[in-house]
Protein backbone atom coordinates (compact mmCIF):
# COMPACT_ATOMS: atom_id res chain seq x y z
CA UNK A 1 -48.23 23.67 -167.89
CA UNK A 2 -51.89 22.78 -168.22
CA UNK A 3 -54.01 22.97 -171.38
CA UNK A 4 -57.77 23.49 -171.24
CA UNK A 5 -60.16 23.41 -174.18
CA UNK A 6 -63.09 25.82 -174.54
CA UNK A 7 -65.74 25.02 -177.13
CA UNK A 8 -67.37 28.20 -178.45
CA UNK A 9 -69.79 26.67 -181.00
CA UNK A 10 -72.91 28.11 -179.35
CA UNK A 11 -71.37 31.59 -179.22
CA UNK A 12 -69.26 31.91 -182.37
CA UNK A 13 -71.92 30.00 -184.28
CA UNK A 14 -74.32 32.91 -183.72
CA UNK A 15 -72.51 34.73 -186.54
CA UNK A 16 -73.71 31.96 -188.85
CA UNK A 17 -77.33 31.42 -187.79
CA UNK A 18 -78.10 34.52 -185.67
CA UNK A 19 -78.00 32.23 -182.65
CA UNK A 20 -81.06 30.25 -183.76
CA UNK A 21 -79.86 26.76 -182.90
CA UNK A 22 -83.23 25.69 -181.52
CA UNK A 23 -84.08 24.82 -177.91
CA UNK A 24 -83.60 21.05 -178.22
CA UNK A 25 -80.38 21.39 -180.22
CA UNK A 26 -78.91 23.81 -177.68
CA UNK A 27 -79.60 21.34 -174.88
CA UNK A 28 -78.19 18.45 -176.90
CA UNK A 29 -74.97 20.26 -177.77
CA UNK A 30 -74.37 21.28 -174.16
CA UNK A 31 -75.09 17.79 -172.86
CA UNK A 32 -72.90 16.12 -175.49
CA UNK A 33 -69.94 18.44 -174.95
CA UNK A 34 -70.23 17.95 -171.21
CA UNK A 35 -70.38 14.15 -171.61
CA UNK A 36 -67.30 14.29 -173.85
CA UNK A 37 -65.28 15.81 -170.97
CA UNK A 38 -64.73 19.25 -172.53
CA UNK A 39 -63.19 21.61 -169.99
CA UNK A 40 -65.29 24.70 -170.76
CA UNK A 41 -68.45 25.19 -172.83
CA UNK A 42 -69.34 28.69 -173.96
CA UNK A 43 -73.14 28.87 -173.94
CA UNK A 44 -73.57 32.08 -175.93
CA UNK A 45 -73.82 35.85 -175.51
CA UNK A 46 -75.13 38.12 -172.78
CA UNK A 47 -76.81 41.08 -174.50
CA UNK A 48 -79.51 43.65 -173.86
CA UNK A 49 -82.14 41.73 -175.84
CA UNK A 50 -85.55 40.17 -175.45
CA UNK A 51 -84.73 36.54 -174.68
CA UNK A 52 -85.79 33.85 -177.16
CA UNK A 53 -85.39 30.26 -175.97
CA UNK A 54 -84.52 29.16 -179.52
CA UNK A 55 -81.37 31.32 -179.44
CA UNK A 56 -78.05 31.35 -177.60
CA UNK A 57 -78.29 35.08 -176.92
CA UNK A 58 -79.39 35.66 -173.34
CA UNK A 59 -80.74 38.71 -171.55
CA UNK A 60 -79.83 37.47 -168.08
CA UNK A 61 -77.96 34.57 -166.56
CA UNK A 62 -81.09 32.92 -165.18
CA UNK A 63 -82.33 32.39 -168.78
CA UNK A 64 -79.73 29.65 -169.10
CA UNK A 65 -80.87 27.31 -166.35
CA UNK A 66 -83.43 25.50 -168.52
CA UNK A 67 -80.71 24.38 -170.96
CA UNK A 68 -78.27 22.83 -168.51
CA UNK A 69 -77.90 19.15 -167.65
CA UNK A 70 -78.89 18.15 -164.14
CA UNK A 71 -75.39 16.98 -163.34
CA UNK A 72 -72.66 19.47 -164.13
CA UNK A 73 -69.54 17.91 -165.66
CA UNK A 74 -67.81 20.97 -167.02
CA UNK A 75 -67.42 24.73 -166.61
CA UNK A 76 -69.76 27.11 -168.41
CA UNK A 77 -68.94 30.53 -169.82
CA UNK A 78 -70.73 33.46 -171.45
CA UNK A 79 -69.35 36.33 -173.50
CA UNK A 80 -70.27 40.01 -173.50
CA UNK A 81 -69.27 43.36 -174.89
CA UNK A 82 -69.56 45.68 -171.91
CA UNK A 83 -71.11 48.36 -174.16
CA UNK A 84 -73.82 45.87 -175.26
CA UNK A 85 -74.80 44.70 -171.79
CA UNK A 86 -75.62 46.42 -168.53
CA UNK A 87 -73.00 45.01 -166.15
CA UNK A 88 -75.21 46.09 -163.27
CA UNK A 89 -77.55 43.21 -164.19
CA UNK A 90 -74.93 40.59 -163.39
CA UNK A 91 -75.98 38.86 -160.17
CA UNK A 92 -73.73 37.41 -157.52
CA UNK A 93 -72.51 34.06 -158.84
CA UNK A 94 -74.88 31.25 -157.85
CA UNK A 95 -72.71 28.53 -159.40
CA UNK A 96 -74.72 28.23 -162.61
CA UNK A 97 -72.13 30.05 -164.76
CA UNK A 98 -68.44 29.85 -163.95
CA UNK A 99 -66.84 32.34 -166.36
CA UNK A 100 -67.71 35.60 -168.09
CA UNK A 101 -65.57 36.61 -171.03
CA UNK A 102 -65.35 40.35 -171.66
CA UNK A 103 -64.48 41.30 -175.23
CA UNK A 104 -63.00 44.68 -176.09
CA UNK A 105 -61.32 46.56 -178.93
CA UNK A 106 -57.95 48.25 -178.69
CA UNK A 107 -59.45 51.74 -178.64
CA UNK A 108 -61.35 51.11 -175.39
CA UNK A 109 -59.42 48.37 -173.59
CA UNK A 110 -58.42 50.59 -170.66
CA UNK A 111 -61.99 51.54 -169.84
CA UNK A 112 -63.23 47.98 -170.41
CA UNK A 113 -60.67 46.55 -167.99
CA UNK A 114 -61.66 49.08 -165.33
CA UNK A 115 -65.35 48.18 -165.71
CA UNK A 116 -64.56 44.47 -165.56
CA UNK A 117 -64.08 44.71 -161.79
CA UNK A 118 -67.88 44.37 -161.53
CA UNK A 119 -67.61 40.87 -163.01
CA UNK A 120 -64.83 39.86 -160.67
CA UNK A 121 -66.59 41.35 -157.64
CA UNK A 122 -69.63 39.20 -158.56
CA UNK A 123 -67.36 36.15 -158.12
CA UNK A 124 -67.19 34.91 -161.71
CA UNK A 125 -64.08 33.76 -163.44
CA UNK A 126 -63.01 36.66 -165.65
CA UNK A 127 -61.49 36.25 -169.11
CA UNK A 128 -60.34 39.13 -171.34
CA UNK A 129 -60.73 38.86 -175.12
CA UNK A 130 -58.45 41.43 -176.76
CA UNK A 131 -59.89 41.77 -180.27
CA UNK A 132 -57.28 41.60 -183.06
CA UNK A 133 -54.46 41.30 -180.53
CA UNK A 134 -51.83 41.50 -183.26
CA UNK A 135 -52.85 45.14 -183.68
CA UNK A 136 -51.27 45.93 -180.30
CA UNK A 137 -47.63 47.02 -180.54
CA UNK A 138 -45.11 45.87 -177.95
CA UNK A 139 -45.68 48.83 -175.65
CA UNK A 140 -49.46 48.36 -175.87
CA UNK A 141 -49.08 44.71 -174.89
CA UNK A 142 -46.94 45.63 -171.90
CA UNK A 143 -49.50 48.21 -170.79
CA UNK A 144 -52.34 45.72 -171.32
CA UNK A 145 -50.45 43.23 -169.13
CA UNK A 146 -49.91 45.82 -166.41
CA UNK A 147 -53.58 46.74 -166.28
CA UNK A 148 -54.56 43.07 -166.23
CA UNK A 149 -52.16 42.40 -163.35
CA UNK A 150 -54.05 44.94 -161.23
CA UNK A 151 -57.41 43.23 -161.76
CA UNK A 152 -56.05 39.66 -161.99
CA UNK A 153 -58.42 38.02 -164.50
CA UNK A 154 -58.18 34.26 -164.79
CA UNK A 155 -57.14 34.46 -168.43
CA UNK A 156 -56.29 36.94 -171.17
CA UNK A 157 -56.71 35.86 -174.78
CA UNK A 158 -54.69 36.34 -177.91
CA UNK A 159 -57.45 36.79 -180.51
CA UNK A 160 -56.66 36.36 -184.22
CA UNK A 161 -59.82 38.19 -185.23
CA UNK A 162 -59.15 38.40 -188.96
CA UNK A 163 -57.33 35.10 -189.29
CA UNK A 164 -54.22 37.02 -190.37
CA UNK A 165 -51.59 35.79 -187.93
CA UNK A 166 -48.51 33.79 -188.80
CA UNK A 167 -46.20 31.96 -186.41
CA UNK A 168 -43.97 35.02 -185.99
CA UNK A 169 -46.95 37.21 -185.05
CA UNK A 170 -48.16 34.73 -182.47
CA UNK A 171 -44.66 34.35 -181.04
CA UNK A 172 -44.26 38.12 -180.60
CA UNK A 173 -47.56 38.56 -178.78
CA UNK A 174 -47.22 35.44 -176.64
CA UNK A 175 -43.69 36.23 -175.51
CA UNK A 176 -44.54 39.77 -174.40
CA UNK A 177 -47.68 38.67 -172.55
CA UNK A 178 -45.90 35.69 -170.99
CA UNK A 179 -43.04 37.88 -169.79
CA UNK A 180 -45.22 40.63 -168.33
CA UNK A 181 -48.36 38.90 -167.02
CA UNK A 182 -48.59 37.57 -163.49
CA UNK A 183 -47.77 33.85 -163.45
CA UNK A 184 -51.27 33.03 -162.19
CA UNK A 185 -52.99 34.51 -165.26
CA UNK A 186 -53.58 32.01 -168.05
CA UNK A 187 -53.12 32.93 -171.69
CA UNK A 188 -55.76 31.85 -174.20
CA UNK A 189 -55.76 31.60 -177.98
CA UNK A 190 -58.79 32.18 -180.20
CA UNK A 191 -58.04 31.69 -183.89
CA UNK A 192 -59.82 32.09 -187.21
CA UNK A 193 -59.00 29.92 -190.16
CA UNK A 194 -58.70 32.39 -193.06
CA UNK A 195 -55.17 31.25 -193.88
CA UNK A 196 -55.83 27.60 -192.98
CA UNK A 197 -53.46 28.01 -190.03
CA UNK A 198 -55.73 27.61 -187.00
CA UNK A 199 -54.63 24.06 -186.21
CA UNK A 200 -50.95 24.72 -186.94
CA UNK A 201 -50.87 27.95 -184.91
CA UNK A 202 -52.63 26.28 -182.01
CA UNK A 203 -49.99 23.56 -181.90
CA UNK A 204 -47.30 26.28 -181.96
CA UNK A 205 -49.11 28.09 -179.14
CA UNK A 206 -49.20 24.95 -177.01
CA UNK A 207 -45.50 24.31 -177.62
CA UNK A 208 -44.62 27.92 -176.70
CA UNK A 209 -46.50 27.57 -173.42
CA UNK A 210 -44.87 24.22 -172.74
CA UNK A 211 -41.44 25.88 -172.78
CA UNK A 212 -42.45 28.63 -170.34
CA UNK A 213 -44.83 26.48 -168.25
CA UNK A 214 -47.63 29.02 -168.69
CA UNK A 215 -51.12 27.54 -168.18
CA UNK A 216 -53.22 28.05 -171.30
CA UNK A 217 -56.70 27.74 -172.79
CA UNK A 218 -57.49 27.01 -176.44
CA UNK A 219 -60.77 27.88 -178.19
CA UNK A 220 -62.39 25.66 -180.80
CA UNK A 221 -65.80 24.92 -182.28
CA UNK A 222 -67.57 21.88 -183.65
CA UNK A 223 -66.71 21.43 -187.33
CA UNK A 224 -65.05 24.87 -187.09
CA UNK A 225 -68.45 26.61 -186.97
CA UNK A 226 -67.89 30.36 -186.82
CA UNK A 227 -67.83 33.59 -188.74
CA UNK A 228 -66.26 33.60 -192.18
CA UNK A 229 -63.56 30.98 -192.50
CA UNK A 230 -64.54 29.56 -189.12
CA UNK A 231 -62.47 28.49 -186.14
CA UNK A 232 -60.20 25.70 -185.00
CA UNK A 233 -62.13 22.42 -185.18
CA UNK A 234 -62.94 20.92 -181.78
CA UNK A 235 -62.77 17.39 -183.20
CA UNK A 236 -59.22 18.00 -184.52
CA UNK A 237 -57.70 19.55 -181.42
CA UNK A 238 -59.29 16.90 -179.20
CA UNK A 239 -57.52 14.16 -181.15
CA UNK A 240 -54.23 16.01 -180.84
CA UNK A 241 -54.55 16.69 -177.11
CA UNK A 242 -55.65 13.11 -176.41
CA UNK A 243 -52.59 11.76 -178.19
CA UNK A 244 -49.89 14.14 -177.00
CA UNK A 245 -51.19 15.68 -173.76
CA UNK A 246 -52.95 12.70 -172.15
CA UNK A 247 -56.43 14.21 -172.32
CA UNK A 248 -59.50 11.99 -172.31
CA UNK A 249 -61.95 13.86 -174.53
CA UNK A 250 -64.53 11.42 -175.90
CA UNK A 251 -64.26 12.11 -179.63
CA UNK A 252 -66.95 9.55 -180.46
CA UNK A 253 -69.54 11.77 -178.71
CA UNK A 254 -68.10 14.87 -180.38
CA UNK A 255 -68.24 13.30 -183.84
CA UNK A 256 -71.79 12.13 -183.20
CA UNK A 257 -73.08 15.58 -182.27
CA UNK A 258 -71.43 17.00 -185.39
CA UNK A 259 -73.14 14.37 -187.52
CA UNK A 260 -76.51 14.75 -185.82
CA UNK A 261 -76.75 18.52 -185.43
CA UNK A 262 -73.92 20.65 -186.83
CA UNK A 263 -74.01 19.25 -190.36
CA UNK A 264 -77.65 20.35 -190.57
CA UNK A 265 -76.46 23.94 -190.28
CA UNK A 266 -73.65 23.33 -192.75
CA UNK A 267 -76.27 22.47 -195.37
CA UNK A 268 -78.03 25.78 -194.74
CA UNK A 269 -75.18 28.19 -194.11
CA UNK A 270 -71.68 28.81 -195.38
CA UNK A 271 -68.55 28.86 -193.28
CA UNK A 272 -65.03 27.58 -193.77
CA UNK A 273 -62.08 28.26 -196.01
CA UNK A 274 -62.42 29.88 -199.40
CA UNK A 275 -60.28 32.22 -201.47
CA UNK A 276 -62.25 35.34 -200.50
CA UNK A 277 -61.66 34.70 -196.80
CA UNK A 278 -58.01 33.99 -197.58
CA UNK A 279 -57.84 37.51 -199.04
CA UNK A 280 -59.51 39.06 -195.98
CA UNK A 281 -56.91 37.32 -193.81
CA UNK A 282 -54.07 38.49 -196.06
CA UNK A 283 -55.32 42.07 -195.95
CA UNK A 284 -56.07 41.86 -192.19
CA UNK A 285 -59.61 43.07 -192.87
CA UNK A 286 -62.91 42.09 -191.26
CA UNK A 287 -64.24 38.98 -193.03
CA UNK A 288 -67.72 40.51 -193.43
CA UNK A 289 -66.33 42.75 -196.17
CA UNK A 290 -65.58 39.66 -198.27
CA UNK A 291 -68.96 38.12 -197.49
CA UNK A 292 -70.91 41.31 -198.20
CA UNK A 293 -69.20 42.17 -201.48
CA UNK A 294 -69.19 38.67 -202.94
CA UNK A 295 -72.82 37.99 -202.02
CA UNK A 296 -74.12 41.34 -203.28
CA UNK A 297 -71.94 41.86 -206.36
CA UNK A 298 -70.48 38.39 -207.09
CA UNK A 299 -67.11 39.99 -207.70
CA UNK A 300 -64.00 38.02 -208.53
CA UNK A 301 -61.04 37.58 -206.15
CA UNK A 302 -59.05 39.95 -208.38
CA UNK A 303 -61.69 42.65 -208.04
CA UNK A 304 -61.96 42.00 -204.31
CA UNK A 305 -58.23 42.72 -203.98
CA UNK A 306 -58.74 46.06 -205.71
CA UNK A 307 -61.57 46.97 -203.34
CA UNK A 308 -59.56 45.91 -200.28
CA UNK A 309 -56.64 48.06 -201.46
CA UNK A 310 -58.97 51.07 -201.44
CA UNK A 311 -60.14 50.61 -197.84
CA UNK A 312 -58.10 52.52 -195.27
CA UNK A 313 -56.36 50.58 -192.50
CA UNK A 314 -58.45 52.18 -189.75
CA UNK A 315 -61.64 51.15 -191.57
CA UNK A 316 -60.61 47.49 -191.86
CA UNK A 317 -61.06 46.70 -188.18
CA UNK A 318 -64.86 46.68 -188.07
CA UNK A 319 -67.29 46.10 -190.90
CA UNK A 320 -69.25 48.98 -192.43
CA UNK A 321 -71.54 48.45 -195.44
CA UNK A 322 -71.14 52.15 -196.27
CA UNK A 323 -67.36 51.83 -196.52
CA UNK A 324 -67.75 48.62 -198.55
CA UNK A 325 -70.13 50.35 -200.96
CA UNK A 326 -67.94 53.42 -201.28
CA UNK A 327 -64.84 51.34 -202.01
CA UNK A 328 -66.69 49.16 -204.52
CA UNK A 329 -68.18 52.11 -206.43
CA UNK A 330 -64.87 53.98 -206.45
CA UNK A 331 -62.86 51.05 -207.75
CA UNK A 332 -65.37 49.25 -209.97
């Protein structure tokens, strides 16, 4: 069993600062993570946008070249929604980017997997990100595995989108995927920290894989930077993997880049655990509902519970300000 670590600060952090890290900071983060021996660095999003060199949202792969160190020490990845990017723009892999992660929701995963062949045919490593994986029932997970086995991506991720998973949830999903996926396909884990369980669940995930000898990938971000309650902290999981899995991540470099760059954003933007994000995790609802309602109306956690109780299960998956407003006005 092998464990790889993917740092997604420059991608998940876009939910915090709209991707505006700044040109020099982007270069510094990439260089520092590479020098610290991280296995994979996610550089940002591929989207149909006008490229801005201050952001980690790219219109084409060639936009990225100016940010990369001269000597490559790690693998690089990008993420895309296939309905937010023209897959026909993806060029044959020149070696600049190693991996493209395709993210999809349960209601369109079959079509997304079919379209993903374009990525594989262009000779990139292909990762699947199954949004809110705990939403898939056992039969869904078996079907997802069967479709993946036909395309043979490098990795398929368990994604705890709303930070609502407990150990038992993770165990159910992992065991079905592990049993049904081809042995060559890695399983990844992307967590959110609404219930303060990212670190604990990641350790459980690693131990599950150790028993079955499944190769795995774990996502994390510097200082947990990410939407809502944030993600698993890169600096924490590096210490754990160095101690128990004989990794050699240079945590002094990681801590330095946090001190020099990430804490600047922490002074400007909010992310990390609070009671409102705990509630969104408990209700398995998109964390933007908590952010929107508390920022606009300054409502109490008790009132937030009442609003959440009024939102239908199907409406909890993706954020809608109209649904938030309707629930708020109906309840309060």
